Amino acid sequence: MDTITKELGKRIQELRKEKTGLSQEKFALEIEMDRSYFASVESGRRNISIVNIKKIADGLGVSLSELFEGV
């Protein structure tokens, strides 16, 4: 898979742990996303849509630019 999907997944995982402390399952439930889909995003195996990227950013309480910081 593309490097950017892996980098974004890693960034999302870092922010989820830092900002929410929630498990993948609890966070996915909170943002109304399937847990297995969210897990594939974090592992960099999913080419995610901008709509779902925004949903994740909102759930993390960060802007889109902050989400992509360092990616």
PDB file of N, CA and C in Angstrom:
ATOM      1  N   MET A   1       0.862  -1.186   0.000  1.00  0.00           N
ATOM      2  CA  MET A   1       0.000   0.000   0.000  1.00  0.00           C
ATOM      3  C   MET A   1       0.898   1.237   0.000  1.00  0.00           C
ATOM      4  N   ASP A   2       0.330   2.330  -0.380  1.00  0.00           N
ATOM      5  CA  ASP A   2       1.084   3.568  -0.468  1.00  0.00           C
ATOM      6  C   ASP A   2       1.623   3.994   0.891  1.00  0.00           C
ATOM      7  N   THR A   3       2.748   4.653   0.846  1.00  0.00           N
ATOM      8  CA  THR A   3       3.378   5.140   2.068  1.00  0.00           C
ATOM      9  C   THR A   3       2.476   6.115   2.802  1.00  0.00           C
ATOM     10  N   ILE A   4       1.760   6.984   2.072  1.00  0.00           N
ATOM     11  CA  ILE A   4       0.923   7.983   2.744  1.00  0.00           C
ATOM     12  C   ILE A   4      -0.195   7.333   3.552  1.00  0.00           C
ATOM     13  N   THR A   5      -0.759   6.230   3.082  1.00  0.00           N
ATOM     14  CA  THR A   5      -1.814   5.580   3.861  1.00  0.00           C
ATOM     15  C   THR A   5      -1.244   4.995   5.151  1.00  0.00           C
ATOM     16  N   LYS A   6      -0.035   4.491   5.088  1.00  0.00           N
ATOM     17  CA  LYS A   6       0.621   3.966   6.300  1.00  0.00           C
ATOM     18  C   LYS A   6       0.966   5.097   7.259  1.00  0.00           C
ATOM     19  N   GLU A   7       1.491   6.198   6.722  1.00  0.00           N
ATOM     20  CA  GLU A   7       1.844   7.339   7.568  1.00  0.00           C
ATOM     21  C   GLU A   7       0.610   7.945   8.224  1.00  0.00           C
ATOM     22  N   LEU A   8      -0.460   8.092   7.440  1.00  0.00           N
ATOM     23  CA  LEU A   8      -1.694   8.646   7.999  1.00  0.00           C
ATOM     24  C   LEU A   8      -2.262   7.709   9.064  1.00  0.00           C
ATOM     25  N   GLY A   9      -2.246   6.423   8.801  1.00  0.00           N
ATOM     26  CA  GLY A   9      -2.738   5.469   9.788  1.00  0.00           C
ATOM     27  C   GLY A   9      -1.973   5.546  11.090  1.00  0.00           C
ATOM     28  N   LYS A  10      -0.659   5.650  10.990  1.00  0.00           N
ATOM     29  CA  LYS A  10       0.183   5.769  12.180  1.00  0.00           C
ATOM     30  C   LYS A  10      -0.124   7.057  12.939  1.00  0.00           C
ATOM     31  N   ARG A  11      -0.324   8.133  12.197  1.00  0.00           N
ATOM     32  CA  ARG A  11      -0.647   9.434  12.811  1.00  0.00           C
ATOM     33  C   ARG A  11      -1.997   9.364  13.526  1.00  0.00           C
ATOM     34  N   ILE A  12      -2.981   8.747  12.889  1.00  0.00           N
ATOM     35  CA  ILE A  12      -4.300   8.609  13.506  1.00  0.00           C
ATOM     36  C   ILE A  12      -4.191   7.787  14.789  1.00  0.00           C
ATOM     37  N   GLN A  13      -3.437   6.702  14.743  1.00  0.00           N
ATOM     38  CA  GLN A  13      -3.275   5.856  15.930  1.00  0.00           C
ATOM     39  C   GLN A  13      -2.611   6.641  17.067  1.00  0.00           C
ATOM     40  N   GLU A  14      -1.562   7.393  16.746  1.00  0.00           N
ATOM     41  CA  GLU A  14      -0.878   8.188  17.766  1.00  0.00           C
ATOM     42  C   GLU A  14      -1.830   9.196  18.401  1.00  0.00           C
ATOM     43  N   LEU A  15      -2.585   9.901  17.561  1.00  0.00           N
ATOM     44  CA  LEU A  15      -3.513  10.909  18.084  1.00  0.00           C
ATOM     45  C   LEU A  15      -4.646  10.264  18.884  1.00  0.00           C
ATOM     46  N   ARG A  16      -5.142   9.129  18.430  1.00  0.00           N
ATOM     47  CA  ARG A  16      -6.209   8.444  19.175  1.00  0.00           C
ATOM     48  C   ARG A  16      -5.740   8.102  20.579  1.00  0.00           C
ATOM     49  N   LYS A  17      -4.554   7.550  20.692  1.00  0.00           N
ATOM     50  CA  LYS A  17      -4.026   7.166  22.001  1.00  0.00           C
ATOM     51  C   LYS A  17      -3.756   8.396  22.863  1.00  0.00           C
ATOM     52  N   GLU A  18      -3.187   9.437  22.252  1.00  0.00           N
ATOM     53  CA  GLU A  18      -2.832  10.658  22.977  1.00  0.00           C
ATOM     54  C   GLU A  18      -4.056  11.463  23.391  1.00  0.00           C
ATOM     55  N   LYS A  19      -4.990  11.654  22.467  1.00  0.00           N
ATOM     56  CA  LYS A  19      -6.117  12.561  22.715  1.00  0.00           C
ATOM     57  C   LYS A  19      -7.298  11.897  23.410  1.00  0.00           C
ATOM     58  N   THR A  20      -7.506  10.601  23.162  1.00  0.00           N
ATOM     59  CA  THR A  20      -8.713   9.976  23.714  1.00  0.00           C
ATOM     60  C   THR A  20      -8.420   8.858  24.696  1.00  0.00           C
ATOM     61  N   GLY A  21      -7.312   8.147  24.507  1.00  0.00           N
ATOM     62  CA  GLY A  21      -7.014   7.004  25.348  1.00  0.00           C
ATOM     63  C   GLY A  21      -7.955   5.830  25.107  1.00  0.00           C
ATOM     64  N   LEU A  22      -8.785   5.942  24.068  1.00  0.00           N
ATOM     65  CA  LEU A  22      -9.762   4.894  23.776  1.00  0.00           C
ATOM     66  C   LEU A  22      -9.152   3.797  22.910  1.00  0.00           C
ATOM     67  N   SER A  23      -9.708   2.612  23.047  1.00  0.00           N
ATOM     68  CA  SER A  23      -9.329   1.505  22.173  1.00  0.00           C
ATOM     69  C   SER A  23      -9.859   1.798  20.771  1.00  0.00           C
ATOM     70  N   GLN A  24      -9.356   1.049  19.791  1.00  0.00           N
ATOM     71  CA  GLN A  24      -9.881   1.184  18.424  1.00  0.00           C
ATOM     72  C   GLN A  24     -11.387   0.970  18.421  1.00  0.00           C
ATOM     73  N   GLU A  25     -11.823  -0.056  19.107  1.00  0.00           N
ATOM     74  CA  GLU A  25     -13.248  -0.408  19.105  1.00  0.00           C
ATOM     75  C   GLU A  25     -14.103   0.705  19.696  1.00  0.00           C
ATOM     76  N   LYS A  26     -13.703   1.238  20.842  1.00  0.00           N
ATOM     77  CA  LYS A  26     -14.489   2.293  21.496  1.00  0.00           C
ATOM     78  C   LYS A  26     -14.470   3.584  20.683  1.00  0.00           C
ATOM     79  N   PHE A  27     -13.316   3.914  20.109  1.00  0.00           N
ATOM     80  CA  PHE A  27     -13.236   5.123  19.296  1.00  0.00           C
ATOM     81  C   PHE A  27     -14.086   4.984  18.043  1.00  0.00           C
ATOM     82  N   ALA A  28     -13.990   3.844  17.374  1.00  0.00           N
ATOM     83  CA  ALA A  28     -14.786   3.606  16.166  1.00  0.00           C
ATOM     84  C   ALA A  28     -16.275   3.703  16.486  1.00  0.00           C
ATOM     85  N   LEU A  29     -16.682   3.152  17.603  1.00  0.00           N
ATOM     86  CA  LEU A  29     -18.083   3.222  18.013  1.00  0.00           C
ATOM     87  C   LEU A  29     -18.496   4.678  18.240  1.00  0.00           C
ATOM     88  N   GLU A  30     -17.611   5.434  18.887  1.00  0.00           N
ATOM     89  CA  GLU A  30     -17.901   6.832  19.184  1.00  0.00           C
ATOM     90  C   GLU A  30     -18.100   7.668  17.904  1.00  0.00           C
ATOM     91  N   ILE A  31     -17.335   7.373  16.871  1.00  0.00           N
ATOM     92  CA  ILE A  31     -17.453   8.154  15.626  1.00  0.00           C
ATOM     93  C   ILE A  31     -18.348   7.466  14.593  1.00  0.00           C
ATOM     94  N   GLU A  32     -19.024   6.424  15.037  1.00  0.00           N
ATOM     95  CA  GLU A  32     -19.972   5.685  14.190  1.00  0.00           C
ATOM     96  C   GLU A  32     -19.311   5.126  12.928  1.00  0.00           C
ATOM     97  N   MET A  33     -18.198   4.429  13.158  1.00  0.00           N
ATOM     98  CA  MET A  33     -17.455   3.788  12.079  1.00  0.00           C
ATOM     99  C   MET A  33     -17.242   2.324  12.463  1.00  0.00           C
ATOM    100  N   ASP A  34     -17.301   1.438  11.489  1.00  0.00           N
ATOM    101  CA  ASP A  34     -17.076   0.026  11.751  1.00  0.00           C
ATOM    102  C   ASP A  34     -15.663  -0.188  12.290  1.00  0.00           C
ATOM    103  N   ARG A  35     -15.540  -0.995  13.345  1.00  0.00           N
ATOM    104  CA  ARG A  35     -14.236  -1.195  13.987  1.00  0.00           C
ATOM    105  C   ARG A  35     -13.215  -1.809  13.044  1.00  0.00           C
ATOM    106  N   SER A  36     -13.627  -2.784  12.257  1.00  0.00           N
ATOM    107  CA  SER A  36     -12.672  -3.422  11.353  1.00  0.00           C
ATOM    108  C   SER A  36     -12.215  -2.447  10.259  1.00  0.00           C
ATOM    109  N   TYR A  37     -13.120  -1.584   9.806  1.00  0.00           N
ATOM    110  CA  TYR A  37     -12.753  -0.548   8.830  1.00  0.00           C
ATOM    111  C   TYR A  37     -11.726   0.393   9.457  1.00  0.00           C
ATOM    112  N   PHE A  38     -12.027   0.847  10.687  1.00  0.00           N
ATOM    113  CA  PHE A  38     -11.117   1.773  11.369  1.00  0.00           C
ATOM    114  C   PHE A  38      -9.765   1.126  11.620  1.00  0.00           C
ATOM    115  N   ALA A  39      -9.754  -0.139  11.994  1.00  0.00           N
ATOM    116  CA  ALA A  39      -8.492  -0.854  12.216  1.00  0.00           C
ATOM    117  C   ALA A  39      -7.666  -0.902  10.930  1.00  0.00           C
ATOM    118  N   SER A  40      -8.330  -1.091   9.797  1.00  0.00           N
ATOM    119  CA  SER A  40      -7.605  -1.129   8.525  1.00  0.00           C
ATOM    120  C   SER A  40      -7.072   0.249   8.144  1.00  0.00           C
ATOM    121  N   VAL A  41      -7.749   1.304   8.586  1.00  0.00           N
ATOM    122  CA  VAL A  41      -7.249   2.674   8.365  1.00  0.00           C
ATOM    123  C   VAL A  41      -5.965   2.872   9.166  1.00  0.00           C
ATOM    124  N   GLU A  42      -6.012   2.526  10.447  1.00  0.00           N
ATOM    125  CA  GLU A  42      -4.843   2.711  11.307  1.00  0.00           C
ATOM    126  C   GLU A  42      -3.656   1.868  10.858  1.00  0.00           C
ATOM    127  N   SER A  43      -3.917   0.724  10.282  1.00  0.00           N
ATOM    128  CA  SER A  43      -2.810  -0.129   9.839  1.00  0.00           C
ATOM    129  C   SER A  43      -2.296   0.268   8.453  1.00  0.00           C
ATOM    130  N   GLY A  44      -2.951   1.249   7.817  1.00  0.00           N
ATOM    131  CA  GLY A  44      -2.498   1.728   6.517  1.00  0.00           C
ATOM    132  C   GLY A  44      -2.915   0.851   5.354  1.00  0.00           C
ATOM    133  N   ARG A  45      -3.909  -0.011   5.570  1.00  0.00           N
ATOM    134  CA  ARG A  45      -4.366  -0.902   4.508  1.00  0.00           C
ATOM    135  C   ARG A  45      -5.586  -0.357   3.764  1.00  0.00           C
ATOM    136  N   ARG A  46      -6.045   0.830   4.117  1.00  0.00           N
ATOM    137  CA  ARG A  46      -7.282   1.365   3.546  1.00  0.00           C
ATOM    138  C   ARG A  46      -7.027   2.738   2.941  1.00  0.00           C
ATOM    139  N   ASN A  47      -7.494   2.918   1.714  1.00  0.00           N
ATOM    140  CA  ASN A  47      -7.458   4.224   1.072  1.00  0.00           C
ATOM    141  C   ASN A  47      -8.754   4.922   1.458  1.00  0.00           C
ATOM    142  N   ILE A  48      -8.674   5.771   2.449  1.00  0.00           N
ATOM    143  CA  ILE A  48      -9.840   6.336   3.122  1.00  0.00           C
ATOM    144  C   ILE A  48     -10.343   7.597   2.415  1.00  0.00           C
ATOM    145  N   SER A  49     -11.652   7.792   2.409  1.00  0.00           N
ATOM    146  CA  SER A  49     -12.248   8.969   1.776  1.00  0.00           C
ATOM    147  C   SER A  49     -12.082  10.198   2.667  1.00  0.00           C
ATOM    148  N   ILE A  50     -12.169  11.358   2.061  1.00  0.00           N
ATOM    149  CA  ILE A  50     -12.048  12.616   2.800  1.00  0.00           C
ATOM    150  C   ILE A  50     -13.184  12.758   3.820  1.00  0.00           C
ATOM    151  N   VAL A  51     -14.353  12.217   3.510  1.00  0.00           N
ATOM    152  CA  VAL A  51     -15.483  12.267   4.450  1.00  0.00           C
ATOM    153  C   VAL A  51     -15.124  11.520   5.736  1.00  0.00           C
ATOM    154  N   ASN A  52     -14.533  10.340   5.598  1.00  0.00           N
ATOM    155  CA  ASN A  52     -14.148   9.570   6.780  1.00  0.00           C
ATOM    156  C   ASN A  52     -12.930  10.166   7.484  1.00  0.00           C
ATOM    157  N   ILE A  53     -12.040  10.788   6.739  1.00  0.00           N
ATOM    158  CA  ILE A  53     -10.908  11.480   7.363  1.00  0.00           C
ATOM    159  C   ILE A  53     -11.424  12.605   8.252  1.00  0.00           C
ATOM    160  N   LYS A  54     -12.411  13.344   7.763  1.00  0.00           N
ATOM    161  CA  LYS A  54     -13.002  14.448   8.544  1.00  0.00           C
ATOM    162  C   LYS A  54     -13.699  13.900   9.782  1.00  0.00           C
ATOM    163  N   LYS A  55     -14.389  12.785   9.645  1.00  0.00           N
ATOM    164  CA  LYS A  55     -15.078  12.162  10.780  1.00  0.00           C
ATOM    165  C   LYS A  55     -14.066  11.778  11.864  1.00  0.00           C
ATOM    166  N   ILE A  56     -12.938  11.227  11.458  1.00  0.00           N
ATOM    167  CA  ILE A  56     -11.885  10.852  12.409  1.00  0.00           C
ATOM    168  C   ILE A  56     -11.285  12.093  13.060  1.00  0.00           C
ATOM    169  N   ALA A  57     -10.975  13.105  12.259  1.00  0.00           N
ATOM    170  CA  ALA A  57     -10.405  14.348  12.802  1.00  0.00           C
ATOM    171  C   ALA A  57     -11.344  14.959  13.831  1.00  0.00           C
ATOM    172  N   ASP A  58     -12.628  15.023  13.507  1.00  0.00           N
ATOM    173  CA  ASP A  58     -13.604  15.568  14.454  1.00  0.00           C
ATOM    174  C   ASP A  58     -13.639  14.751  15.737  1.00  0.00           C
ATOM    175  N   GLY A  59     -13.603  13.433  15.606  1.00  0.00           N
ATOM    176  CA  GLY A  59     -13.601  12.561  16.783  1.00  0.00           C
ATOM    177  C   GLY A  59     -12.370  12.744  17.653  1.00  0.00           C
ATOM    178  N   LEU A  60     -11.258  13.095  17.014  1.00  0.00           N
ATOM    179  CA  LEU A  60     -10.016  13.340  17.746  1.00  0.00           C
ATOM    180  C   LEU A  60      -9.934  14.765  18.281  1.00  0.00           C
ATOM    181  N   GLY A  61     -10.831  15.621  17.803  1.00  0.00           N
ATOM    182  CA  GLY A  61     -10.815  17.026  18.232  1.00  0.00           C
ATOM    183  C   GLY A  61      -9.669  17.802  17.624  1.00  0.00           C
ATOM    184  N   VAL A  62      -9.294  17.444  16.393  1.00  0.00           N
ATOM    185  CA  VAL A  62      -8.203  18.140  15.711  1.00  0.00           C
ATOM    186  C   VAL A  62      -8.676  18.620  14.336  1.00  0.00           C
ATOM    187  N   SER A  63      -7.984  19.599  13.801  1.00  0.00           N
ATOM    188  CA  SER A  63      -8.282  20.077  12.456  1.00  0.00           C
ATOM    189  C   SER A  63      -7.686  19.106  11.441  1.00  0.00           C
ATOM    190  N   LEU A  64      -8.127  19.216  10.199  1.00  0.00           N
ATOM    191  CA  LEU A  64      -7.556  18.373   9.151  1.00  0.00           C
ATOM    192  C   LEU A  64      -6.064  18.644   8.995  1.00  0.00           C
ATOM    193  N   SER A  65      -5.665  19.920   9.084  1.00  0.00           N
ATOM    194  CA  SER A  65      -4.241  20.225   8.941  1.00  0.00           C
ATOM    195  C   SER A  65      -3.429  19.623  10.080  1.00  0.00           C
ATOM    196  N   GLU A  66      -3.977  19.624  11.287  1.00  0.00           N
ATOM    197  CA  GLU A  66      -3.269  19.006  12.410  1.00  0.00           C
ATOM    198  C   GLU A  66      -3.181  17.495  12.235  1.00  0.00           C
ATOM    199  N   LEU A  67      -4.240  16.897  11.704  1.00  0.00           N
ATOM    200  CA  LEU A  67      -4.236  15.457  11.465  1.00  0.00           C
ATOM    201  C   LEU A  67      -3.133  15.066  10.500  1.00  0.00           C
ATOM    202  N   PHE A  68      -2.911  15.880   9.482  1.00  0.00           N
ATOM    203  CA  PHE A  68      -1.913  15.563   8.459  1.00  0.00           C
ATOM    204  C   PHE A  68      -0.507  16.068   8.794  1.00  0.00           C
ATOM    205  N   GLU A  69      -0.341  16.679   9.948  1.00  0.00           N
ATOM    206  CA  GLU A  69       0.956  17.200  10.361  1.00  0.00           C
ATOM    207  C   GLU A  69       1.987  16.072  10.388  1.00  0.00           C
ATOM    208  N   GLY A  70       3.062  16.236   9.641  1.00  0.00           N
ATOM    209  CA  GLY A  70       4.140  15.253   9.627  1.00  0.00           C
ATOM    210  C   GLY A  70       3.924  14.065   8.702  1.00  0.00           C
ATOM    211  N   VAL A  71       2.797  14.046   8.015  1.00  0.00           N
ATOM    212  CA  VAL A  71       2.502  12.912   7.118  1.00  0.00           C
ATOM    213  C   VAL A  71       3.121  13.168   5.767  1.00  0.00           C
TER     214      VAL A  71
END
